[in-house]
Amino acid sequence: MVVYLWGDYSVPDQKWLAEKVVGMQERFAKQPIIFMTVCHSPVDRDDPKQLEKQRMRILEVLTRAKATLQTFLLDEDDEVWREKLGFVSGPTFNVYDARSTKVRTFSPTDADTGSRMLSPS
């Protein structure tokens, strides 16, 4: 499984989503690899209108990128998601094995190709 953490507020993150993540998903479509994204979107969860506005903004980004992968909205404080998910910052790729054990972490500067990112350690 490959998880891409990105921020809806970051143009470079959105560019990587459209150019690299969607491309990797298409390239490895016949492989038993699951691709998903986690979108970091700081928003006040107690404000339903603001939350819906952010959700629609993220859907627009995903639609423009032609991304069909499952995406989760991350609205926790930075400390919480760093600890729980093991991400240092976005944009970041985490790669997990079949037992859901994290085996690799890459930033876009590290992960220049999907093949390199998904190759065995």
C-alpha atoms as a PDB file:
ATOM      1  CA  MET A   1       0.000   0.000   0.000  1.00  0.00           C
ATOM      2  CA  VAL A   2       1.249   3.462  -0.877  1.00  0.00           C
ATOM      3  CA  VAL A   3      -0.085   6.430   1.085  1.00  0.00           C
ATOM      4  CA  TYR A   4       0.554   9.966  -0.139  1.00  0.00           C
ATOM      5  CA  LEU A   5       0.236  12.750   2.452  1.00  0.00           C
ATOM      6  CA  TRP A   6      -0.431  16.124   0.898  1.00  0.00           C
ATOM      7  CA  GLY A   7      -1.815  19.494   1.859  1.00  0.00           C
ATOM      8  CA  ASP A   8      -4.744  21.072   0.053  1.00  0.00           C
ATOM      9  CA  TYR A   9      -3.030  24.427   0.648  1.00  0.00           C
ATOM     10  CA  SER A  10       0.168  23.424  -1.206  1.00  0.00           C
ATOM     11  CA  VAL A  11       0.462  23.850  -4.978  1.00  0.00           C
ATOM     12  CA  PRO A  12       3.564  21.578  -5.168  1.00  0.00           C
ATOM     13  CA  ASP A  13       1.680  18.849  -3.266  1.00  0.00           C
ATOM     14  CA  GLN A  14      -1.233  19.121  -5.707  1.00  0.00           C
ATOM     15  CA  LYS A  15       1.177  18.979  -8.647  1.00  0.00           C
ATOM     16  CA  TRP A  16       2.754  15.783  -7.300  1.00  0.00           C
ATOM     17  CA  LEU A  17      -0.697  14.305  -6.825  1.00  0.00           C
ATOM     18  CA  ALA A  18      -1.630  14.969 -10.446  1.00  0.00           C
ATOM     19  CA  GLU A  19       1.711  14.165 -12.069  1.00  0.00           C
ATOM     20  CA  LYS A  20       3.212  11.397  -9.959  1.00  0.00           C
ATOM     21  CA  VAL A  21       0.696   9.728  -7.665  1.00  0.00           C
ATOM     22  CA  VAL A  22      -2.036   9.286 -10.263  1.00  0.00           C
ATOM     23  CA  GLY A  23       0.618   8.160 -12.755  1.00  0.00           C
ATOM     24  CA  MET A  24       1.975   5.558 -10.347  1.00  0.00           C
ATOM     25  CA  GLN A  25      -1.517   4.270  -9.666  1.00  0.00           C
ATOM     26  CA  GLU A  26      -2.102   3.867 -13.399  1.00  0.00           C
ATOM     27  CA  ARG A  27       1.336   2.337 -14.006  1.00  0.00           C
ATOM     28  CA  PHE A  28       0.892  -0.262 -11.275  1.00  0.00           C
ATOM     29  CA  ALA A  29      -2.841  -0.858 -11.856  1.00  0.00           C
ATOM     30  CA  LYS A  30      -2.345  -4.580 -12.515  1.00  0.00           C
ATOM     31  CA  GLN A  31      -0.167  -5.050  -9.447  1.00  0.00           C
ATOM     32  CA  PRO A  32      -1.619  -5.864  -6.008  1.00  0.00           C
ATOM     33  CA  ILE A  33      -0.809  -2.365  -4.748  1.00  0.00           C
ATOM     34  CA  ILE A  34      -3.325  -0.064  -3.093  1.00  0.00           C
ATOM     35  CA  PHE A  35      -2.834   3.673  -3.520  1.00  0.00           C
ATOM     36  CA  MET A  36      -4.527   6.190  -1.255  1.00  0.00           C
ATOM     37  CA  THR A  37      -4.009   9.734  -0.124  1.00  0.00           C
ATOM     38  CA  VAL A  38      -4.314  11.567   3.147  1.00  0.00           C
ATOM     39  CA  CYS A  39      -5.037  15.244   2.694  1.00  0.00           C
ATOM     40  CA  HIS A  40      -3.904  17.517   5.500  1.00  0.00           C
ATOM     41  CA  SER A  41      -6.453  20.293   5.664  1.00  0.00           C
ATOM     42  CA  PRO A  42      -6.485  22.398   8.809  1.00  0.00           C
ATOM     43  CA  VAL A  43     -10.118  23.273   9.427  1.00  0.00           C
ATOM     44  CA  ASP A  44     -12.351  23.934  12.389  1.00  0.00           C
ATOM     45  CA  ARG A  45     -14.330  20.699  12.821  1.00  0.00           C
ATOM     46  CA  ASP A  46     -16.930  22.590  14.855  1.00  0.00           C
ATOM     47  CA  ASP A  47     -17.839  24.736  11.840  1.00  0.00           C
ATOM     48  CA  PRO A  48     -19.873  22.528   9.459  1.00  0.00           C
ATOM     49  CA  LYS A  49     -19.939  25.163   6.702  1.00  0.00           C
ATOM     50  CA  GLN A  50     -16.157  25.539   6.772  1.00  0.00           C
ATOM     51  CA  LEU A  51     -15.700  21.765   6.844  1.00  0.00           C
ATOM     52  CA  GLU A  52     -17.979  21.315   3.810  1.00  0.00           C
ATOM     53  CA  LYS A  53     -16.190  24.130   1.966  1.00  0.00           C
ATOM     54  CA  GLN A  54     -12.823  22.418   2.551  1.00  0.00           C
ATOM     55  CA  ARG A  55     -14.231  19.048   1.515  1.00  0.00           C
ATOM     56  CA  MET A  56     -15.499  20.521  -1.760  1.00  0.00           C
ATOM     57  CA  ARG A  57     -12.144  22.216  -2.370  1.00  0.00           C
ATOM     58  CA  ILE A  58     -10.342  18.890  -1.935  1.00  0.00           C
ATOM     59  CA  LEU A  59     -12.786  17.148  -4.279  1.00  0.00           C
ATOM     60  CA  GLU A  60     -12.079  19.824  -6.899  1.00  0.00           C
ATOM     61  CA  VAL A  61      -8.329  19.200  -6.597  1.00  0.00           C
ATOM     62  CA  LEU A  62      -8.852  15.434  -6.917  1.00  0.00           C
ATOM     63  CA  THR A  63     -11.150  15.898  -9.929  1.00  0.00           C
ATOM     64  CA  ARG A  64      -8.652  18.176 -11.716  1.00  0.00           C
ATOM     65  CA  ALA A  65      -5.911  15.608 -11.032  1.00  0.00           C
ATOM     66  CA  LYS A  66      -8.160  12.805 -12.341  1.00  0.00           C
ATOM     67  CA  ALA A  67      -7.451  11.003  -9.090  1.00  0.00           C
ATOM     68  CA  THR A  68      -9.710   8.026  -8.464  1.00  0.00           C
ATOM     69  CA  LEU A  69      -7.885   6.814  -5.385  1.00  0.00           C
ATOM     70  CA  GLN A  70      -9.367   6.795  -1.938  1.00  0.00           C
ATOM     71  CA  THR A  71      -8.628   9.993  -0.032  1.00  0.00           C
ATOM     72  CA  PHE A  72      -8.997  10.731   3.645  1.00  0.00           C
ATOM     73  CA  LEU A  73      -9.253  14.191   5.168  1.00  0.00           C
ATOM     74  CA  LEU A  74      -6.825  14.766   8.002  1.00  0.00           C
ATOM     75  CA  ASP A  75      -8.007  17.561  10.258  1.00  0.00           C
ATOM     76  CA  GLU A  76      -6.040  16.765  13.401  1.00  0.00           C
ATOM     77  CA  ASP A  77      -3.357  18.958  14.945  1.00  0.00           C
ATOM     78  CA  ASP A  78       0.132  18.448  13.495  1.00  0.00           C
ATOM     79  CA  GLU A  79       1.429  16.662  16.588  1.00  0.00           C
ATOM     80  CA  VAL A  80      -1.373  14.098  16.453  1.00  0.00           C
ATOM     81  CA  TRP A  81      -0.929  13.029  12.830  1.00  0.00           C
ATOM     82  CA  ARG A  82       2.851  13.036  13.029  1.00  0.00           C
ATOM     83  CA  GLU A  83       2.719  10.661  15.982  1.00  0.00           C
ATOM     84  CA  LYS A  84      -0.118   8.435  14.730  1.00  0.00           C
ATOM     85  CA  LEU A  85       0.857   8.198  11.071  1.00  0.00           C
ATOM     86  CA  GLY A  86       4.605   8.644  11.272  1.00  0.00           C
ATOM     87  CA  PHE A  87       4.695  11.400   8.671  1.00  0.00           C
ATOM     88  CA  VAL A  88       7.279  14.110   9.151  1.00  0.00           C
ATOM     89  CA  SER A  89       5.667  16.605   6.794  1.00  0.00           C
ATOM     90  CA  GLY A  90       3.928  16.702   3.470  1.00  0.00           C
ATOM     91  CA  PRO A  91       4.295  15.849   0.758  1.00  0.00           C
ATOM     92  CA  THR A  92       5.373  12.415   1.866  1.00  0.00           C
ATOM     93  CA  PHE A  93       4.908   8.859   0.651  1.00  0.00           C
ATOM     94  CA  ASN A  94       4.668   5.986   3.118  1.00  0.00           C
ATOM     95  CA  VAL A  95       4.885   2.445   1.742  1.00  0.00           C
ATOM     96  CA  TYR A  96       3.395  -0.431   3.754  1.00  0.00           C
ATOM     97  CA  ASP A  97       3.732  -4.170   3.279  1.00  0.00           C
ATOM     98  CA  ALA A  98       0.919  -6.748   3.330  1.00  0.00           C
ATOM     99  CA  ARG A  99       1.020  -6.803   7.144  1.00  0.00           C
ATOM    100  CA  SER A 100       0.482  -3.004   7.303  1.00  0.00           C
ATOM    101  CA  THR A 101       4.039  -2.450   8.488  1.00  0.00           C
ATOM    102  CA  LYS A 102       5.642   0.730   7.202  1.00  0.00           C
ATOM    103  CA  VAL A 103       8.662  -0.251   5.126  1.00  0.00           C
ATOM    104  CA  ARG A 104       9.636   3.020   3.462  1.00  0.00           C
ATOM    105  CA  THR A 105       9.072   6.755   3.675  1.00  0.00           C
ATOM    106  CA  PHE A 106       9.914   9.123   0.833  1.00  0.00           C
ATOM    107  CA  SER A 107       9.536  12.779   0.080  1.00  0.00           C
ATOM    108  CA  PRO A 108       9.163  13.885  -3.553  1.00  0.00           C
ATOM    109  CA  THR A 109      12.846  14.744  -3.673  1.00  0.00           C
ATOM    110  CA  ASP A 110      13.613  11.113  -2.774  1.00  0.00           C
ATOM    111  CA  ALA A 111      10.957   9.323  -4.808  1.00  0.00           C
ATOM    112  CA  ASP A 112      11.811  10.242  -8.365  1.00  0.00           C
ATOM    113  CA  THR A 113      10.116   7.180  -9.875  1.00  0.00           C
ATOM    114  CA  GLY A 114       7.414   4.777  -8.808  1.00  0.00           C
ATOM    115  CA  SER A 115       9.658   1.820  -9.587  1.00  0.00           C
ATOM    116  CA  ARG A 116      12.356   3.018  -7.243  1.00  0.00           C
ATOM    117  CA  MET A 117       9.852   3.796  -4.541  1.00  0.00           C
ATOM    118  CA  LEU A 118       8.191   0.404  -4.721  1.00  0.00           C
ATOM    119  CA  SER A 119      11.312  -1.713  -5.203  1.00  0.00           C
ATOM    120  CA  PRO A 120      12.280  -4.069  -2.359  1.00  0.00           C
ATOM    121  CA  SER A 121      14.634  -2.763   0.323  1.00  0.00           C
END
